[in-house]
Amino acid sequence: MPDRPVLFVLTGHDKLGDTGDKTGFHLSEAAHPWRVLREAGLHVDFATPEGGKAPIDPGSKDLDDSVNREFVENEDVNAKLKATSALRELDLSGYDAIYFPGGHGTMWDLPDHADVQAAVREMYEAGKVVAAVCHGPAAFVNVKLSDGSWFVDGKKLSVFTDEEERAVEKDDVVPFLLASKLKERGAIHEKADNFMKSVTVDGRLVTGQNPPSARGVGEAIRDQLKAD
């Protein structure tokens, strides 16, 4: 299978609202799809909205998970995470898919970032795969297509649910409830019970509900690219 580049766009935000706690991207939501795509012969690059360090959410750093451990111990990955490219610096025409891992940091720096919105629109309208998991679909909240319609309007997707946000007691910390906001934009929300796997594929849009869904999202990205 030829090398098909996939761009992972990670949050660069490490502050969990006003709590004083740290956040960032969820480790397994990057590591497990990375492993799936690498095993399929796909190349993965990393970016953040503004460039620089991509912080790992400390609460997700489960190194008893062998895939997580492989990811954080990989020298190439480590170097890239310490100095990611800014989205504006990249030529997106060189990528066949764009993927937004979750982690609570995404709720602050993805929704309103013009370069994030432009990247989603450009990739989708170019016929590329657009994917996200858990809080990663925060990247889609304010994206409009070239015709002025909301990107998610009428599309099926899975995303971290309002019920899950309440269960982890972050509903009063995040700036908005992600699932509710996407539904306001016209998304058709598909969900499993709290912390159970849900992966939704709607055309070239691939989404997952939570960390247990991350590997399935990676597999769906792989399968979409293999089918091209």
C-alpha atoms as a PDB file:
ATOM      1  CA  MET A   1       0.000   0.000   0.000  1.00  0.00           C
ATOM      2  CA  PRO A   2       1.500   3.379  -0.965  1.00  0.00           C
ATOM      3  CA  ASP A   3       2.327   5.957   1.667  1.00  0.00           C
ATOM      4  CA  ARG A   4      -0.773   8.105   2.223  1.00  0.00           C
ATOM      5  CA  PRO A   5      -0.047  11.073   4.520  1.00  0.00           C
ATOM      6  CA  VAL A   6      -2.456  11.776   7.369  1.00  0.00           C
ATOM      7  CA  LEU A   7      -2.309  14.979   9.397  1.00  0.00           C
ATOM      8  CA  PHE A   8      -3.096  14.790  13.115  1.00  0.00           C
ATOM      9  CA  VAL A   9      -4.121  18.215  14.442  1.00  0.00           C
ATOM     10  CA  LEU A  10      -3.639  18.264  18.207  1.00  0.00           C
ATOM     11  CA  THR A  11      -4.690  20.873  20.712  1.00  0.00           C
ATOM     12  CA  GLY A  12      -1.982  23.224  21.909  1.00  0.00           C
ATOM     13  CA  HIS A  13      -4.041  24.324  24.930  1.00  0.00           C
ATOM     14  CA  ASP A  14      -2.973  23.040  28.357  1.00  0.00           C
ATOM     15  CA  LYS A  15      -5.181  24.917  30.854  1.00  0.00           C
ATOM     16  CA  LEU A  16      -8.431  23.337  32.030  1.00  0.00           C
ATOM     17  CA  GLY A  17     -10.524  26.484  32.258  1.00  0.00           C
ATOM     18  CA  ASP A  18     -10.094  28.304  35.566  1.00  0.00           C
ATOM     19  CA  THR A  19      -9.488  25.146  37.611  1.00  0.00           C
ATOM     20  CA  GLY A  20      -5.711  25.462  37.735  1.00  0.00           C
ATOM     21  CA  ASP A  21      -5.463  21.921  36.365  1.00  0.00           C
ATOM     22  CA  LYS A  22      -3.591  20.949  33.237  1.00  0.00           C
ATOM     23  CA  THR A  23      -5.127  19.430  30.124  1.00  0.00           C
ATOM     24  CA  GLY A  24      -4.120  18.838  26.510  1.00  0.00           C
ATOM     25  CA  PHE A  25      -4.755  16.081  23.984  1.00  0.00           C
ATOM     26  CA  HIS A  26      -5.887  12.644  25.132  1.00  0.00           C
ATOM     27  CA  LEU A  27      -2.966  10.274  24.705  1.00  0.00           C
ATOM     28  CA  SER A  28      -4.791   7.135  23.561  1.00  0.00           C
ATOM     29  CA  GLU A  29      -6.882   9.117  21.070  1.00  0.00           C
ATOM     30  CA  ALA A  30      -3.687   9.993  19.246  1.00  0.00           C
ATOM     31  CA  ALA A  31      -1.660   6.855  19.968  1.00  0.00           C
ATOM     32  CA  HIS A  32      -4.118   4.157  18.929  1.00  0.00           C
ATOM     33  CA  PRO A  33      -5.034   5.630  15.521  1.00  0.00           C
ATOM     34  CA  TRP A  34      -1.331   6.412  14.957  1.00  0.00           C
ATOM     35  CA  ARG A  35      -0.506   2.755  15.526  1.00  0.00           C
ATOM     36  CA  VAL A  36      -3.279   1.562  13.183  1.00  0.00           C
ATOM     37  CA  LEU A  37      -2.198   3.912  10.410  1.00  0.00           C
ATOM     38  CA  ARG A  38       1.509   3.136  10.775  1.00  0.00           C
ATOM     39  CA  GLU A  39       0.770  -0.587  10.570  1.00  0.00           C
ATOM     40  CA  ALA A  40      -1.059   0.111   7.313  1.00  0.00           C
ATOM     41  CA  GLY A  41       1.996   1.874   5.867  1.00  0.00           C
ATOM     42  CA  LEU A  42       0.603   5.374   6.272  1.00  0.00           C
ATOM     43  CA  HIS A  43       2.701   8.374   7.243  1.00  0.00           C
ATOM     44  CA  VAL A  44       1.477  10.570  10.114  1.00  0.00           C
ATOM     45  CA  ASP A  45       2.418  14.217  10.664  1.00  0.00           C
ATOM     46  CA  PHE A  46       1.459  16.408  13.613  1.00  0.00           C
ATOM     47  CA  ALA A  47       0.302  20.007  13.833  1.00  0.00           C
ATOM     48  CA  THR A  48      -1.369  22.345  16.319  1.00  0.00           C
ATOM     49  CA  PRO A  49      -3.368  25.466  15.511  1.00  0.00           C
ATOM     50  CA  GLU A  50      -0.499  27.810  16.413  1.00  0.00           C
ATOM     51  CA  GLY A  51       2.494  25.458  16.340  1.00  0.00           C
ATOM     52  CA  GLY A  52       4.841  24.624  19.201  1.00  0.00           C
ATOM     53  CA  LYS A  53       4.418  22.018  21.911  1.00  0.00           C
ATOM     54  CA  ALA A  54       1.407  19.691  21.885  1.00  0.00           C
ATOM     55  CA  PRO A  55       0.635  18.952  25.550  1.00  0.00           C
ATOM     56  CA  ILE A  56      -0.586  15.536  26.674  1.00  0.00           C
ATOM     57  CA  ASP A  57      -3.460  15.615  29.163  1.00  0.00           C
ATOM     58  CA  PRO A  58      -1.826  14.261  32.339  1.00  0.00           C
ATOM     59  CA  GLY A  59      -4.981  12.371  33.227  1.00  0.00           C
ATOM     60  CA  SER A  60      -4.726  10.345  30.020  1.00  0.00           C
ATOM     61  CA  LYS A  61      -1.092   9.301  30.391  1.00  0.00           C
ATOM     62  CA  ASP A  62      -1.714   5.596  30.970  1.00  0.00           C
ATOM     63  CA  LEU A  63       1.615   3.975  30.192  1.00  0.00           C
ATOM     64  CA  ASP A  64       0.367   0.526  31.189  1.00  0.00           C
ATOM     65  CA  ASP A  65      -1.253   0.686  27.752  1.00  0.00           C
ATOM     66  CA  SER A  66       1.473  -0.647  25.460  1.00  0.00           C
ATOM     67  CA  VAL A  67       0.349   1.462  22.490  1.00  0.00           C
ATOM     68  CA  ASN A  68       0.426   4.644  24.572  1.00  0.00           C
ATOM     69  CA  ARG A  69       3.885   3.708  25.805  1.00  0.00           C
ATOM     70  CA  GLU A  70       5.138   3.021  22.279  1.00  0.00           C
ATOM     71  CA  PHE A  71       3.819   6.415  21.162  1.00  0.00           C
ATOM     72  CA  VAL A  72       5.443   8.460  23.932  1.00  0.00           C
ATOM     73  CA  GLU A  73       8.726   6.533  23.695  1.00  0.00           C
ATOM     74  CA  ASN A  74       9.011   6.954  19.923  1.00  0.00           C
ATOM     75  CA  GLU A  75      11.844   9.429  19.315  1.00  0.00           C
ATOM     76  CA  ASP A  76      10.389  10.794  16.088  1.00  0.00           C
ATOM     77  CA  VAL A  77       6.970  11.367  17.667  1.00  0.00           C
ATOM     78  CA  ASN A  78       8.525  13.015  20.710  1.00  0.00           C
ATOM     79  CA  ALA A  79      10.510  15.432  18.589  1.00  0.00           C
ATOM     80  CA  LYS A  80       7.457  16.356  16.547  1.00  0.00           C
ATOM     81  CA  LEU A  81       5.224  16.863  19.600  1.00  0.00           C
ATOM     82  CA  LYS A  82       7.737  19.265  21.138  1.00  0.00           C
ATOM     83  CA  ALA A  83       7.745  21.480  18.038  1.00  0.00           C
ATOM     84  CA  THR A  84       4.632  20.949  15.931  1.00  0.00           C
ATOM     85  CA  SER A  85       3.964  22.903  12.771  1.00  0.00           C
ATOM     86  CA  ALA A  86       1.280  25.558  12.793  1.00  0.00           C
ATOM     87  CA  LEU A  87      -1.600  24.757  10.472  1.00  0.00           C
ATOM     88  CA  ARG A  88      -0.949  27.900   8.430  1.00  0.00           C
ATOM     89  CA  GLU A  89       2.541  26.632   7.599  1.00  0.00           C
ATOM     90  CA  LEU A  90       1.332  23.458   5.915  1.00  0.00           C
ATOM     91  CA  ASP A  91       0.273  22.698   2.364  1.00  0.00           C
ATOM     92  CA  LEU A  92      -2.819  20.614   3.011  1.00  0.00           C
ATOM     93  CA  SER A  93      -2.949  19.413  -0.587  1.00  0.00           C
ATOM     94  CA  GLY A  94      -0.204  16.982   0.401  1.00  0.00           C
ATOM     95  CA  TYR A  95      -2.464  15.130   2.854  1.00  0.00           C
ATOM     96  CA  ASP A  96      -5.195  12.599   2.164  1.00  0.00           C
ATOM     97  CA  ALA A  97      -6.841  12.855   5.602  1.00  0.00           C
ATOM     98  CA  ILE A  98      -6.999  15.187   8.571  1.00  0.00           C
ATOM     99  CA  TYR A  99      -7.719  13.902  12.069  1.00  0.00           C
ATOM    100  CA  PHE A 100      -8.495  15.737  15.308  1.00  0.00           C
ATOM    101  CA  PRO A 101      -7.832  13.678  18.467  1.00  0.00           C
ATOM    102  CA  GLY A 102      -9.737  14.778  21.541  1.00  0.00           C
ATOM    103  CA  GLY A 103      -8.775  15.877  25.003  1.00  0.00           C
ATOM    104  CA  HIS A 104     -10.394  18.768  26.838  1.00  0.00           C
ATOM    105  CA  GLY A 105      -7.839  21.256  25.515  1.00  0.00           C
ATOM    106  CA  THR A 106      -9.573  21.122  22.131  1.00  0.00           C
ATOM    107  CA  MET A 107     -12.592  22.884  23.591  1.00  0.00           C
ATOM    108  CA  TRP A 108     -10.613  26.091  23.938  1.00  0.00           C
ATOM    109  CA  ASP A 109      -8.344  26.391  20.898  1.00  0.00           C
ATOM    110  CA  LEU A 110     -10.112  24.555  18.074  1.00  0.00           C
ATOM    111  CA  PRO A 111     -13.661  25.963  17.736  1.00  0.00           C
ATOM    112  CA  ASP A 112     -12.826  29.595  16.960  1.00  0.00           C
ATOM    113  CA  HIS A 113      -9.519  29.185  15.165  1.00  0.00           C
ATOM    114  CA  ALA A 114      -9.729  30.444  11.578  1.00  0.00           C
ATOM    115  CA  ASP A 115      -6.971  28.114  10.351  1.00  0.00           C
ATOM    116  CA  VAL A 116      -8.754  25.089  11.845  1.00  0.00           C
ATOM    117  CA  GLN A 117     -11.995  26.091  10.142  1.00  0.00           C
ATOM    118  CA  ALA A 118     -10.205  26.648   6.827  1.00  0.00           C
ATOM    119  CA  ALA A 119      -8.420  23.303   7.073  1.00  0.00           C
ATOM    120  CA  VAL A 120     -11.628  21.342   7.668  1.00  0.00           C
ATOM    121  CA  ARG A 121     -13.383  23.124   4.815  1.00  0.00           C
ATOM    122  CA  GLU A 122     -10.446  22.732   2.416  1.00  0.00           C
ATOM    123  CA  MET A 123      -9.927  19.054   3.111  1.00  0.00           C
ATOM    124  CA  TYR A 124     -13.597  18.157   2.945  1.00  0.00           C
ATOM    125  CA  GLU A 125     -14.302  20.112  -0.223  1.00  0.00           C
ATOM    126  CA  ALA A 126     -11.231  18.557  -1.836  1.00  0.00           C
ATOM    127  CA  GLY A 127     -12.721  15.101  -1.297  1.00  0.00           C
ATOM    128  CA  LYS A 128     -10.359  14.157   1.522  1.00  0.00           C
ATOM    129  CA  VAL A 129     -11.161  12.250   4.727  1.00  0.00           C
ATOM    130  CA  VAL A 130     -12.008  14.408   7.759  1.00  0.00           C
ATOM    131  CA  ALA A 131     -11.990  12.641  11.139  1.00  0.00           C
ATOM    132  CA  ALA A 132     -12.187  13.353  14.864  1.00  0.00           C
ATOM    133  CA  VAL A 133     -12.862  11.590  18.147  1.00  0.00           C
ATOM    134  CA  CYS A 134     -14.299  12.512  21.548  1.00  0.00           C
ATOM    135  CA  HIS A 135     -13.740  16.285  21.994  1.00  0.00           C
ATOM    136  CA  GLY A 136     -11.898  16.512  18.660  1.00  0.00           C
ATOM    137  CA  PRO A 137     -15.127  17.439  16.831  1.00  0.00           C
ATOM    138  CA  ALA A 138     -14.833  20.780  18.631  1.00  0.00           C
ATOM    139  CA  ALA A 139     -12.914  21.608  15.456  1.00  0.00           C
ATOM    140  CA  PHE A 140     -16.186  21.387  13.507  1.00  0.00           C
ATOM    141  CA  VAL A 141     -18.366  23.637  15.662  1.00  0.00           C
ATOM    142  CA  ASN A 142     -17.931  26.859  13.694  1.00  0.00           C
ATOM    143  CA  VAL A 143     -16.936  25.509  10.282  1.00  0.00           C
ATOM    144  CA  LYS A 144     -18.978  26.686   7.332  1.00  0.00           C
ATOM    145  CA  LEU A 145     -18.644  25.288   3.828  1.00  0.00           C
ATOM    146  CA  SER A 146     -18.129  27.520   0.823  1.00  0.00           C
ATOM    147  CA  ASP A 147     -21.891  27.666   0.257  1.00  0.00           C
ATOM    148  CA  GLY A 148     -22.354  29.172   3.721  1.00  0.00           C
ATOM    149  CA  SER A 149     -23.905  26.083   5.326  1.00  0.00           C
ATOM    150  CA  TRP A 150     -22.682  24.613   8.595  1.00  0.00           C
ATOM    151  CA  PHE A 151     -20.235  21.783   7.939  1.00  0.00           C
ATOM    152  CA  VAL A 152     -22.038  19.373  10.276  1.00  0.00           C
ATOM    153  CA  ASP A 153     -25.563  20.225   9.141  1.00  0.00           C
ATOM    154  CA  GLY A 154     -27.347  17.002   8.217  1.00  0.00           C
ATOM    155  CA  LYS A 155     -24.290  14.837   8.905  1.00  0.00           C
ATOM    156  CA  LYS A 156     -24.231  11.862  11.264  1.00  0.00           C
ATOM    157  CA  LEU A 157     -21.497  11.917  13.871  1.00  0.00           C
ATOM    158  CA  SER A 158     -20.356  10.502  17.196  1.00  0.00           C
ATOM    159  CA  VAL A 159     -18.896  12.793  19.847  1.00  0.00           C
ATOM    160  CA  PHE A 160     -18.298  12.916  23.604  1.00  0.00           C
ATOM    161  CA  THR A 161     -21.828  13.133  24.941  1.00  0.00           C
ATOM    162  CA  ASP A 162     -23.338  15.623  27.355  1.00  0.00           C
ATOM    163  CA  GLU A 163     -23.981  12.710  29.704  1.00  0.00           C
ATOM    164  CA  GLU A 164     -20.313  11.715  29.625  1.00  0.00           C
ATOM    165  CA  GLU A 165     -19.268  15.320  30.273  1.00  0.00           C
ATOM    166  CA  ARG A 166     -21.467  15.357  33.364  1.00  0.00           C
ATOM    167  CA  ALA A 167     -20.135  11.967  34.442  1.00  0.00           C
ATOM    168  CA  VAL A 168     -16.546  13.285  34.439  1.00  0.00           C
ATOM    169  CA  GLU A 169     -17.762  16.448  36.194  1.00  0.00           C
ATOM    170  CA  LYS A 170     -16.455  18.807  33.525  1.00  0.00           C
ATOM    171  CA  ASP A 171     -19.825  20.144  32.349  1.00  0.00           C
ATOM    172  CA  ASP A 172     -19.353  23.314  34.415  1.00  0.00           C
ATOM    173  CA  VAL A 173     -15.732  23.700  33.295  1.00  0.00           C
ATOM    174  CA  VAL A 174     -15.902  23.450  29.502  1.00  0.00           C
ATOM    175  CA  PRO A 175     -17.053  26.560  27.596  1.00  0.00           C
ATOM    176  CA  PHE A 176     -20.002  24.640  26.112  1.00  0.00           C
ATOM    177  CA  LEU A 177     -21.386  21.117  25.838  1.00  0.00           C
ATOM    178  CA  LEU A 178     -19.983  19.779  22.592  1.00  0.00           C
ATOM    179  CA  ALA A 179     -22.736  17.363  21.587  1.00  0.00           C
ATOM    180  CA  SER A 180     -25.440  19.961  22.204  1.00  0.00           C
ATOM    181  CA  LYS A 181     -23.554  22.615  20.243  1.00  0.00           C
ATOM    182  CA  LEU A 182     -23.079  20.343  17.243  1.00  0.00           C
ATOM    183  CA  LYS A 183     -26.751  19.414  17.298  1.00  0.00           C
ATOM    184  CA  GLU A 184     -27.573  23.132  17.260  1.00  0.00           C
ATOM    185  CA  ARG A 185     -25.584  23.294  14.017  1.00  0.00           C
ATOM    186  CA  GLY A 186     -27.736  20.528  12.537  1.00  0.00           C
ATOM    187  CA  ALA A 187     -25.630  17.454  13.283  1.00  0.00           C
ATOM    188  CA  ILE A 188     -27.345  14.096  13.679  1.00  0.00           C
ATOM    189  CA  HIS A 189     -25.858  12.751  16.898  1.00  0.00           C
ATOM    190  CA  GLU A 190     -25.310   9.007  17.189  1.00  0.00           C
ATOM    191  CA  LYS A 191     -24.261   7.698  20.585  1.00  0.00           C
ATOM    192  CA  ALA A 192     -23.637   4.652  22.708  1.00  0.00           C
ATOM    193  CA  ASP A 193     -23.974   4.401  26.480  1.00  0.00           C
ATOM    194  CA  ASN A 194     -21.433   6.298  28.550  1.00  0.00           C
ATOM    195  CA  PHE A 195     -17.845   5.321  27.715  1.00  0.00           C
ATOM    196  CA  MET A 196     -18.879   2.617  25.262  1.00  0.00           C
ATOM    197  CA  LYS A 197     -17.578   2.532  21.699  1.00  0.00           C
ATOM    198  CA  SER A 198     -19.392   4.433  18.954  1.00  0.00           C
ATOM    199  CA  VAL A 199     -17.827   5.102  15.550  1.00  0.00           C
ATOM    200  CA  THR A 200     -19.804   6.830  12.817  1.00  0.00           C
ATOM    201  CA  VAL A 201     -18.846   7.002   9.146  1.00  0.00           C
ATOM    202  CA  ASP A 202     -20.883   9.424   7.039  1.00  0.00           C
ATOM    203  CA  GLY A 203     -19.297   9.626   3.625  1.00  0.00           C
ATOM    204  CA  ARG A 204     -15.802  11.045   4.156  1.00  0.00           C
ATOM    205  CA  LEU A 205     -16.565  12.171   7.717  1.00  0.00           C
ATOM    206  CA  VAL A 206     -15.342   9.744  10.402  1.00  0.00           C
ATOM    207  CA  THR A 207     -16.068  10.384  14.078  1.00  0.00           C
ATOM    208  CA  GLY A 208     -15.916   8.543  17.391  1.00  0.00           C
ATOM    209  CA  GLN A 209     -17.492   9.121  20.777  1.00  0.00           C
ATOM    210  CA  ASN A 210     -14.706   8.651  23.334  1.00  0.00           C
ATOM    211  CA  PRO A 211     -11.320   7.018  24.043  1.00  0.00           C
ATOM    212  CA  PRO A 212     -12.617   3.445  23.527  1.00  0.00           C
ATOM    213  CA  SER A 213     -13.671   4.555  20.031  1.00  0.00           C
ATOM    214  CA  ALA A 214     -10.242   5.854  18.991  1.00  0.00           C
ATOM    215  CA  ARG A 215      -8.885   2.656  17.485  1.00  0.00           C
ATOM    216  CA  GLY A 216     -12.086   2.207  15.485  1.00  0.00           C
ATOM    217  CA  VAL A 217     -11.730   5.729  14.106  1.00  0.00           C
ATOM    218  CA  GLY A 218      -8.179   4.933  13.048  1.00  0.00           C
ATOM    219  CA  GLU A 219      -9.382   1.762  11.337  1.00  0.00           C
ATOM    220  CA  ALA A 220     -12.131   3.685   9.527  1.00  0.00           C
ATOM    221  CA  ILE A 221      -9.618   6.280   8.280  1.00  0.00           C
ATOM    222  CA  ARG A 222      -7.368   3.456   7.074  1.00  0.00           C
ATOM    223  CA  ASP A 223     -10.230   1.687   5.329  1.00  0.00           C
ATOM    224  CA  GLN A 224     -11.373   4.884   3.587  1.00  0.00           C
ATOM    225  CA  LEU A 225      -7.864   5.518   2.262  1.00  0.00           C
ATOM    226  CA  LYS A 226      -7.405   1.903   1.155  1.00  0.00           C
ATOM    227  CA  ALA A 227     -10.674   2.079  -0.755  1.00  0.00           C
ATOM    228  CA  ASP A 228      -9.578   5.100  -2.826  1.00  0.00           C
END
